[in-house]
Amino acid sequence: MNLDRFRAFAAGRQRPFTAAAFRRCLLVALFLYLFLCAISLLGAAFKLFGSGFSQALIAGTSNPVLGLMIGLLATALIQSSSSTSSIVVGLVAAGALTVRGAIPIVMGANMGTTVTNTMVAMTSINRRGEFVRAFAGATMHDFFNLMTILVLFPLEQATRWLEHTAIWLSTHLIGAQGLEFQSPVKVIVAPAVDWCARLVTDDLRLVPWAGGVVLLVLSLGLIFVALTGLTRALKQVVLDRAEGSIAGWVQNGGVGAMAVGLVLTVAVQSSSVTTSLLIPLIGAGIVPLTGAFAVTLGANLGTTVTALLASLAGNVAAVTVALVHLLFNVAGILIIYPVRSIRMIPIKLARSLAHATSRRRIYALLYMFGVFFAMPLFFLLLHRWLG
């Protein structure tokens, strides 16, 4: 068989395949661009009617549990833990929020950013086998963050180790030279996203909340179209190349797969982009959950590295908050990942949830809105009622 393939290639009969593969690669690039534009539009939409609300919420809390819920809700609204962290940094620097008060918010933001993964997985809800894999790939990130919070949140309240360690480190790093890094993703998608934002705010003269609704609908539609096309194109391109280079790197997980997630996230400055791009590969069965889990943890580290690099040009408060985020994720990895029986817990929980939602698909919607929106809103309303 190998000899026949070699003779066919030598005779030039492989050219139609090569042309088809090239067209599929172009389709992957097109759908990827649409997906990246949609993610940026989603953030722009929520910022039109969410960022001021988020800032007001963040500035008004001193209760640690409430701060955790606010970080979760604020990040789910504006679709970016980096944006939430930036608001927190600004409030800490201005003296409106203490480092101690910021820590629960950062923990909540770490979990809130994973709502994007769940939304991506929902695009395959009509294909049961693919949906089970994709939804498990999305929610194992949630369970990892939940386990980390359950361990580190009470430990932090009892010992303040994150606060003390971050403050100590920041006093030694504040003299470092700040670094500027322009995200290539932002450069590529900015013209299209800015044009859409100007269309609804300047040309159509919509009020901010109405413009946000229009951008939200447009972004969700683009996400569905882009990821449906991207999934199909990736299946053809990657499967035709015997699992591809990405699948080869992450097949067995470990440090190599974490490095892939870290480097990619530092390059694009978005853990949501890195982890969301994994979901179609997981759904197609190209990337196993165990390998994708390691990539996800690397992406968690990557997003804190970019925040830390940006904060080094700022003050002690900025560096401290960035270090809290970094230390939180490093500690979570050290607690959960080294022992196989422990690191399989979030994967097994995610699989169980995915199988349950595949039988009753309404559970997927209830999970997404319940965890990321209804639960934190319930705590906020309860706090106001009791207060």
Protein backbone atom coordinates (compact mmCIF):
# COMPACT_ATOMS: atom_id res chain seq x y z
CA MET A 1 0.00 0.00 0.00
CA ASN A 2 2.80 2.43 0.80
CA LEU A 3 4.48 1.65 -2.54
CA ASP A 4 1.22 2.32 -4.39
CA ARG A 5 0.82 5.65 -2.61
CA PHE A 6 4.38 6.61 -3.46
CA ARG A 7 3.85 5.74 -7.15
CA ALA A 8 0.60 7.70 -7.22
CA PHE A 9 2.35 10.71 -5.72
CA ALA A 10 5.24 10.41 -8.22
CA ALA A 11 2.75 10.22 -11.08
CA GLY A 12 1.08 13.42 -9.91
CA ARG A 13 -2.24 11.81 -9.04
CA GLN A 14 -2.17 13.31 -5.55
CA ARG A 15 -2.61 16.86 -6.88
CA PRO A 16 -6.43 16.93 -6.62
CA PHE A 17 -6.11 15.95 -2.94
CA THR A 18 -3.55 18.68 -2.37
CA ALA A 19 -5.80 21.28 -4.00
CA ALA A 20 -8.75 20.12 -1.90
CA ALA A 21 -6.65 20.23 1.26
CA PHE A 22 -5.56 23.77 0.41
CA ARG A 23 -9.17 24.86 -0.02
CA ARG A 24 -10.06 23.29 3.32
CA CYS A 25 -7.20 25.15 4.97
CA LEU A 26 -8.54 28.40 3.53
CA LEU A 27 -11.96 27.55 4.94
CA VAL A 28 -10.40 26.90 8.36
CA ALA A 29 -8.71 30.31 8.21
CA LEU A 30 -11.96 32.01 7.18
CA PHE A 31 -14.08 30.39 9.89
CA LEU A 32 -11.33 31.01 12.46
CA TYR A 33 -11.31 34.71 11.55
CA LEU A 34 -15.10 34.85 11.87
CA PHE A 35 -14.89 33.11 15.24
CA LEU A 36 -12.27 35.54 16.57
CA CYS A 37 -14.33 38.49 15.33
CA ALA A 38 -17.41 37.02 17.03
CA ILE A 39 -15.61 36.60 20.36
CA SER A 40 -14.40 40.22 20.22
CA LEU A 41 -17.90 41.40 19.25
CA LEU A 42 -19.32 39.51 22.22
CA GLY A 43 -17.00 41.38 24.56
CA ALA A 44 -17.82 44.69 22.86
CA ALA A 45 -21.56 43.96 23.21
CA PHE A 46 -21.37 43.28 26.95
CA LYS A 47 -19.15 46.29 27.50
CA LEU A 48 -21.87 48.54 26.07
CA PHE A 49 -24.26 47.59 28.85
CA GLY A 50 -22.17 45.58 31.28
CA SER A 51 -18.81 47.11 32.14
CA GLY A 52 -20.18 50.06 34.14
CA PHE A 53 -22.50 47.73 36.01
CA SER A 54 -19.59 45.37 36.68
CA GLN A 55 -17.39 48.18 37.96
CA ALA A 56 -20.12 49.41 40.29
CA LEU A 57 -20.62 45.90 41.63
CA ILE A 58 -16.91 45.32 42.17
CA ALA A 59 -16.42 48.60 43.97
CA GLY A 60 -19.25 47.97 46.39
CA THR A 61 -18.34 44.73 48.12
CA SER A 62 -16.40 43.73 51.20
CA ASN A 63 -17.90 40.26 51.73
CA PRO A 64 -15.54 37.54 50.41
CA VAL A 65 -18.32 35.19 49.21
CA LEU A 66 -20.09 38.09 47.54
CA GLY A 67 -16.80 39.14 45.96
CA LEU A 68 -16.39 35.63 44.55
CA MET A 69 -19.88 35.77 43.02
CA ILE A 70 -19.29 39.28 41.64
CA GLY A 71 -16.07 38.19 39.96
CA LEU A 72 -17.94 35.27 38.39
CA LEU A 73 -20.86 37.40 37.19
CA ALA A 74 -18.79 40.35 35.99
CA THR A 75 -16.52 38.14 33.91
CA ALA A 76 -19.43 36.17 32.47
CA LEU A 77 -21.00 39.48 31.42
CA ILE A 78 -17.99 41.05 29.75
CA GLN A 79 -16.51 37.73 28.55
CA SER A 80 -12.98 38.47 29.71
CA SER A 81 -11.16 37.75 32.95
CA SER A 82 -8.48 40.19 31.78
CA SER A 83 -11.07 42.98 31.61
CA THR A 84 -12.36 42.14 35.08
CA SER A 85 -8.80 42.02 36.42
CA SER A 86 -8.10 45.41 34.81
CA ILE A 87 -11.10 46.93 36.58
CA VAL A 88 -9.96 45.37 39.86
CA VAL A 89 -6.42 46.68 39.35
CA GLY A 90 -7.73 50.18 38.72
CA LEU A 91 -9.93 50.12 41.82
CA VAL A 92 -7.10 48.79 44.01
CA ALA A 93 -4.71 51.41 42.65
CA ALA A 94 -7.28 54.14 43.31
CA GLY A 95 -7.84 52.94 46.87
CA ALA A 96 -11.49 51.99 46.23
CA LEU A 97 -10.74 48.31 46.83
CA THR A 98 -8.16 46.57 49.01
CA VAL A 99 -5.93 43.74 47.81
CA ARG A 100 -7.72 41.51 50.32
CA GLY A 101 -11.07 42.42 48.81
CA ALA A 102 -9.76 41.90 45.28
CA ILE A 103 -8.61 38.30 45.82
CA PRO A 104 -12.10 36.65 45.89
CA ILE A 105 -13.06 38.66 42.80
CA VAL A 106 -10.00 37.38 40.94
CA MET A 107 -10.92 33.81 41.94
CA GLY A 108 -14.44 34.30 40.65
CA ALA A 109 -13.16 35.86 37.44
CA ASN A 110 -11.01 32.79 36.83
CA MET A 111 -14.16 30.66 36.69
CA GLY A 112 -16.36 33.22 34.94
CA THR A 113 -14.21 33.28 31.82
CA THR A 114 -15.05 29.62 31.09
CA VAL A 115 -18.62 30.51 30.08
CA THR A 116 -17.28 31.05 26.54
CA ASN A 117 -16.27 27.39 26.33
CA THR A 118 -19.75 26.28 27.32
CA MET A 119 -21.33 28.52 24.68
CA VAL A 120 -19.00 27.05 22.05
CA ALA A 121 -19.94 23.49 23.07
CA MET A 122 -23.64 24.34 22.69
CA THR A 123 -23.18 24.70 18.91
CA SER A 124 -23.01 20.89 18.62
CA ILE A 125 -26.06 20.21 20.79
CA ASN A 126 -27.93 18.48 17.93
CA ARG A 127 -25.13 15.92 17.41
CA ARG A 128 -25.23 13.76 20.53
CA GLY A 129 -21.85 12.02 20.40
CA GLU A 130 -20.01 15.19 19.47
CA PHE A 131 -21.93 17.21 22.06
CA VAL A 132 -21.05 14.82 24.89
CA ARG A 133 -17.33 15.17 24.13
CA ALA A 134 -17.49 18.93 23.52
CA PHE A 135 -19.56 19.69 26.62
CA ALA A 136 -17.27 17.55 28.78
CA GLY A 137 -14.27 19.41 27.32
CA ALA A 138 -15.88 22.73 28.21
CA THR A 139 -17.04 21.90 31.72
CA MET A 140 -13.91 20.11 32.95
CA HIS A 141 -12.40 23.61 33.10
CA ASP A 142 -15.30 24.66 35.34
CA PHE A 143 -14.79 21.70 37.66
CA PHE A 144 -11.05 22.37 37.88
CA ASN A 145 -11.69 25.99 38.86
CA LEU A 146 -14.40 24.92 41.31
CA MET A 147 -12.09 22.40 42.99
CA THR A 148 -9.34 25.01 43.20
CA ILE A 149 -11.72 27.54 44.75
CA LEU A 150 -13.07 25.01 47.26
CA VAL A 151 -9.53 24.37 48.48
CA LEU A 152 -7.88 27.79 48.20
CA PHE A 153 -10.75 30.13 49.07
CA PRO A 154 -11.20 28.94 52.69
CA LEU A 155 -7.42 28.55 53.03
CA GLU A 156 -6.96 32.16 51.94
CA GLN A 157 -9.62 33.39 54.38
CA ALA A 158 -7.88 31.51 57.21
CA THR A 159 -4.24 32.31 56.47
CA ARG A 160 -4.09 35.19 53.91
CA TRP A 161 -1.19 33.37 52.22
CA LEU A 162 -2.07 34.60 48.72
CA GLU A 163 -2.28 38.19 49.92
CA HIS A 164 0.98 38.09 51.86
CA THR A 165 2.91 36.20 49.18
CA ALA A 166 1.71 38.46 46.37
CA ILE A 167 2.50 41.64 48.30
CA TRP A 168 5.98 40.35 49.17
CA LEU A 169 6.72 39.40 45.57
CA SER A 170 5.32 42.64 44.15
CA THR A 171 7.61 44.77 46.30
CA HIS A 172 10.58 42.96 44.70
CA LEU A 173 9.23 43.12 41.14
CA ILE A 174 7.93 46.68 40.96
CA GLY A 175 11.25 47.96 39.73
CA ALA A 176 11.25 45.61 36.74
CA GLN A 177 10.91 47.01 33.23
CA GLY A 178 7.36 46.84 31.94
CA LEU A 179 6.73 45.05 28.67
CA GLU A 180 4.30 45.93 25.90
CA PHE A 181 2.85 43.18 23.73
CA GLN A 182 0.32 43.86 21.02
CA SER A 183 -2.01 40.93 20.58
CA PRO A 184 -2.00 39.76 16.94
CA VAL A 185 -5.60 38.68 17.36
CA LYS A 186 -6.66 42.19 18.34
CA VAL A 187 -4.77 43.67 15.40
CA ILE A 188 -6.43 41.29 12.94
CA VAL A 189 -10.02 41.57 14.16
CA ALA A 190 -10.02 45.19 15.36
CA PRO A 191 -11.03 46.79 12.01
CA ALA A 192 -14.11 44.55 11.61
CA VAL A 193 -15.14 44.83 15.28
CA ASP A 194 -14.65 48.62 15.35
CA TRP A 195 -16.69 48.97 12.15
CA CYS A 196 -19.58 47.00 13.65
CA ALA A 197 -19.42 49.00 16.88
CA ARG A 198 -19.41 52.32 14.98
CA LEU A 199 -22.31 51.10 12.84
CA VAL A 200 -24.62 50.59 15.82
CA THR A 201 -23.48 53.54 17.92
CA ASP A 202 -22.60 56.26 15.37
CA ASP A 203 -24.39 55.42 12.11
CA LEU A 204 -27.58 53.90 13.52
CA ARG A 205 -27.36 56.15 16.63
CA LEU A 206 -28.60 53.45 18.97
CA VAL A 207 -28.46 53.97 22.70
CA PRO A 208 -25.74 51.86 24.38
CA TRP A 209 -28.01 49.08 25.65
CA ALA A 210 -29.75 48.72 22.26
CA GLY A 211 -26.41 48.70 20.46
CA GLY A 212 -25.23 46.04 22.90
CA VAL A 213 -28.25 43.87 22.09
CA VAL A 214 -27.61 44.17 18.35
CA LEU A 215 -23.93 43.27 18.75
CA LEU A 216 -24.84 40.42 21.10
CA VAL A 217 -27.24 38.86 18.58
CA LEU A 218 -24.75 39.35 15.75
CA SER A 219 -21.87 37.85 17.74
CA LEU A 220 -23.88 34.80 18.84
CA GLY A 221 -24.97 34.18 15.26
CA LEU A 222 -21.39 34.48 14.03
CA ILE A 223 -20.15 32.12 16.74
CA PHE A 224 -22.66 29.49 15.68
CA VAL A 225 -21.88 29.82 11.95
CA ALA A 226 -18.10 30.03 12.45
CA LEU A 227 -17.84 27.09 14.83
CA THR A 228 -20.15 24.88 12.81
CA GLY A 229 -18.01 25.48 9.73
CA LEU A 230 -14.76 25.35 11.69
CA THR A 231 -15.64 21.99 13.22
CA ARG A 232 -16.36 20.42 9.85
CA ALA A 233 -13.27 21.89 8.22
CA LEU A 234 -10.99 20.90 11.10
CA LYS A 235 -12.28 17.33 11.00
CA GLN A 236 -11.26 17.06 7.34
CA VAL A 237 -7.94 18.86 7.63
CA VAL A 238 -6.71 17.26 10.86
CA LEU A 239 -8.05 13.75 10.34
CA ASP A 240 -6.52 13.68 6.84
CA ARG A 241 -3.13 14.17 8.49
CA ALA A 242 -3.32 11.35 11.02
CA GLU A 243 -4.20 13.38 14.10
CA GLY A 244 -2.19 16.44 13.13
CA SER A 245 0.54 18.27 14.99
CA ILE A 246 -1.72 19.69 17.71
CA ALA A 247 -3.24 16.31 18.52
CA GLY A 248 0.25 14.82 18.58
CA TRP A 249 1.45 17.37 21.13
CA VAL A 250 -1.51 17.02 23.45
CA GLN A 251 -2.30 13.33 23.02
CA ASN A 252 -0.80 12.27 26.34
CA GLY A 253 -1.13 15.55 28.23
CA GLY A 254 1.67 16.48 30.59
CA VAL A 255 4.08 19.39 30.51
CA GLY A 256 4.26 19.47 26.71
CA ALA A 257 0.50 19.96 26.38
CA MET A 258 0.56 22.63 29.11
CA ALA A 259 3.31 24.42 27.18
CA VAL A 260 1.11 24.43 24.07
CA GLY A 261 -1.72 26.09 26.01
CA LEU A 262 0.62 28.58 27.69
CA VAL A 263 2.44 29.65 24.51
CA LEU A 264 -0.74 29.94 22.45
CA THR A 265 -2.47 31.99 25.15
CA VAL A 266 0.51 34.32 25.55
CA ALA A 267 0.54 34.75 21.75
CA VAL A 268 -3.16 35.60 21.41
CA GLN A 269 -3.56 37.10 24.93
CA SER A 270 -6.79 35.22 25.55
CA SER A 271 -7.31 31.95 27.39
CA SER A 272 -10.90 31.93 26.10
CA VAL A 273 -9.66 31.79 22.51
CA THR A 274 -7.24 28.96 23.30
CA THR A 275 -9.71 26.82 25.21
CA SER A 276 -12.62 27.56 22.88
CA LEU A 277 -10.61 26.45 19.86
CA LEU A 278 -10.04 23.14 21.64
CA ILE A 279 -13.76 22.42 21.91
CA PRO A 280 -14.37 21.54 18.22
CA LEU A 281 -11.28 19.30 18.27
CA ILE A 282 -12.53 17.54 21.41
CA GLY A 283 -16.01 17.20 19.94
CA ALA A 284 -14.60 15.67 16.76
CA GLY A 285 -12.66 13.12 18.82
CA ILE A 286 -9.32 14.47 17.57
CA VAL A 287 -8.03 15.62 20.96
CA PRO A 288 -8.63 13.45 24.07
CA LEU A 289 -10.02 15.01 27.23
CA THR A 290 -6.90 14.19 29.25
CA GLY A 291 -4.65 16.01 26.79
CA ALA A 292 -7.05 18.93 26.42
CA PHE A 293 -7.18 19.26 30.21
CA ALA A 294 -3.42 19.88 30.31
CA VAL A 295 -3.72 22.46 27.51
CA THR A 296 -6.47 24.20 29.50
CA LEU A 297 -4.25 24.44 32.57
CA GLY A 298 -1.48 25.87 30.42
CA ALA A 299 -3.95 28.44 29.06
CA ASN A 300 -4.83 29.39 32.65
CA LEU A 301 -1.17 30.11 33.27
CA GLY A 302 -0.79 31.92 29.96
CA THR A 303 -3.49 34.46 30.70
CA THR A 304 -1.86 35.31 34.04
CA VAL A 305 1.55 35.70 32.40
CA THR A 306 0.26 38.31 29.97
CA ALA A 307 -1.50 40.14 32.80
CA LEU A 308 1.71 40.08 34.85
CA LEU A 309 3.81 41.43 31.98
CA ALA A 310 1.35 44.26 31.48
CA SER A 311 1.22 45.05 35.21
CA LEU A 312 4.99 45.37 35.55
CA ALA A 313 4.73 48.81 33.98
CA GLY A 314 2.28 49.85 36.69
CA ASN A 315 2.30 50.23 40.47
CA VAL A 316 2.54 47.79 43.36
CA ALA A 317 -1.22 47.23 43.41
CA ALA A 318 -1.31 46.24 39.74
CA VAL A 319 1.53 43.76 40.16
CA THR A 320 0.00 42.36 43.36
CA VAL A 321 -3.36 41.59 41.74
CA ALA A 322 -1.64 39.99 38.73
CA LEU A 323 0.51 37.87 41.06
CA VAL A 324 -2.56 36.74 42.99
CA HIS A 325 -4.04 35.45 39.73
CA LEU A 326 -0.78 33.69 38.85
CA LEU A 327 -0.29 32.14 42.29
CA PHE A 328 -3.92 30.97 42.39
CA ASN A 329 -3.56 29.06 39.11
CA VAL A 330 -0.11 27.65 39.92
CA ALA A 331 -1.35 26.42 43.30
CA GLY A 332 -4.42 24.84 41.67
CA ILE A 333 -2.26 22.94 39.19
CA LEU A 334 0.12 21.74 41.92
CA ILE A 335 -2.80 20.53 44.04
CA ILE A 336 -4.82 18.79 41.34
CA TYR A 337 -2.65 17.76 38.40
CA PRO A 338 0.34 15.73 39.74
CA VAL A 339 -1.72 12.82 41.16
CA ARG A 340 -3.69 11.00 38.44
CA SER A 341 -6.59 9.99 40.69
CA ILE A 342 -7.10 13.64 41.64
CA ARG A 343 -6.68 15.17 38.18
CA MET A 344 -9.23 12.72 36.78
CA ILE A 345 -11.91 14.07 39.15
CA PRO A 346 -12.84 17.15 37.06
CA ILE A 347 -12.71 15.06 33.87
CA LYS A 348 -15.01 12.37 35.30
CA LEU A 349 -17.43 14.96 36.69
CA ALA A 350 -17.49 16.73 33.32
CA ARG A 351 -18.20 13.47 31.50
CA SER A 352 -21.05 12.63 33.87
CA LEU A 353 -22.58 16.08 33.41
CA ALA A 354 -22.19 15.83 29.63
CA HIS A 355 -23.98 12.46 29.50
CA ALA A 356 -26.79 13.85 31.65
CA THR A 357 -27.21 16.92 29.44
CA SER A 358 -27.19 14.78 26.29
CA ARG A 359 -30.29 12.96 27.59
CA ARG A 360 -32.01 16.18 28.67
CA ARG A 361 -30.46 18.95 26.61
CA ILE A 362 -32.31 21.62 28.50
CA TYR A 363 -29.94 20.79 31.36
CA ALA A 364 -27.08 22.31 29.36
CA LEU A 365 -28.86 25.67 29.18
CA LEU A 366 -29.89 25.45 32.82
CA TYR A 367 -26.30 24.70 33.79
CA MET A 368 -24.84 27.60 31.80
CA PHE A 369 -27.34 30.23 32.95
CA GLY A 370 -27.60 28.80 36.44
CA VAL A 371 -23.90 28.66 37.27
CA PHE A 372 -22.71 31.80 35.52
CA PHE A 373 -25.68 34.14 35.94
CA ALA A 374 -28.52 32.94 38.19
CA MET A 375 -26.35 31.75 41.11
CA PRO A 376 -24.28 34.95 41.46
CA LEU A 377 -27.41 37.08 40.98
CA PHE A 378 -29.15 35.09 43.72
CA PHE A 379 -26.29 35.80 46.14
CA LEU A 380 -26.36 39.49 45.20
CA LEU A 381 -30.11 39.76 45.76
CA LEU A 382 -29.85 37.77 49.01
CA HIS A 383 -27.12 40.10 50.23
CA ARG A 384 -29.23 43.17 49.42
CA TRP A 385 -32.28 41.65 51.09
CA LEU A 386 -30.41 40.69 54.24
CA GLY A 387 -28.41 43.92 54.26
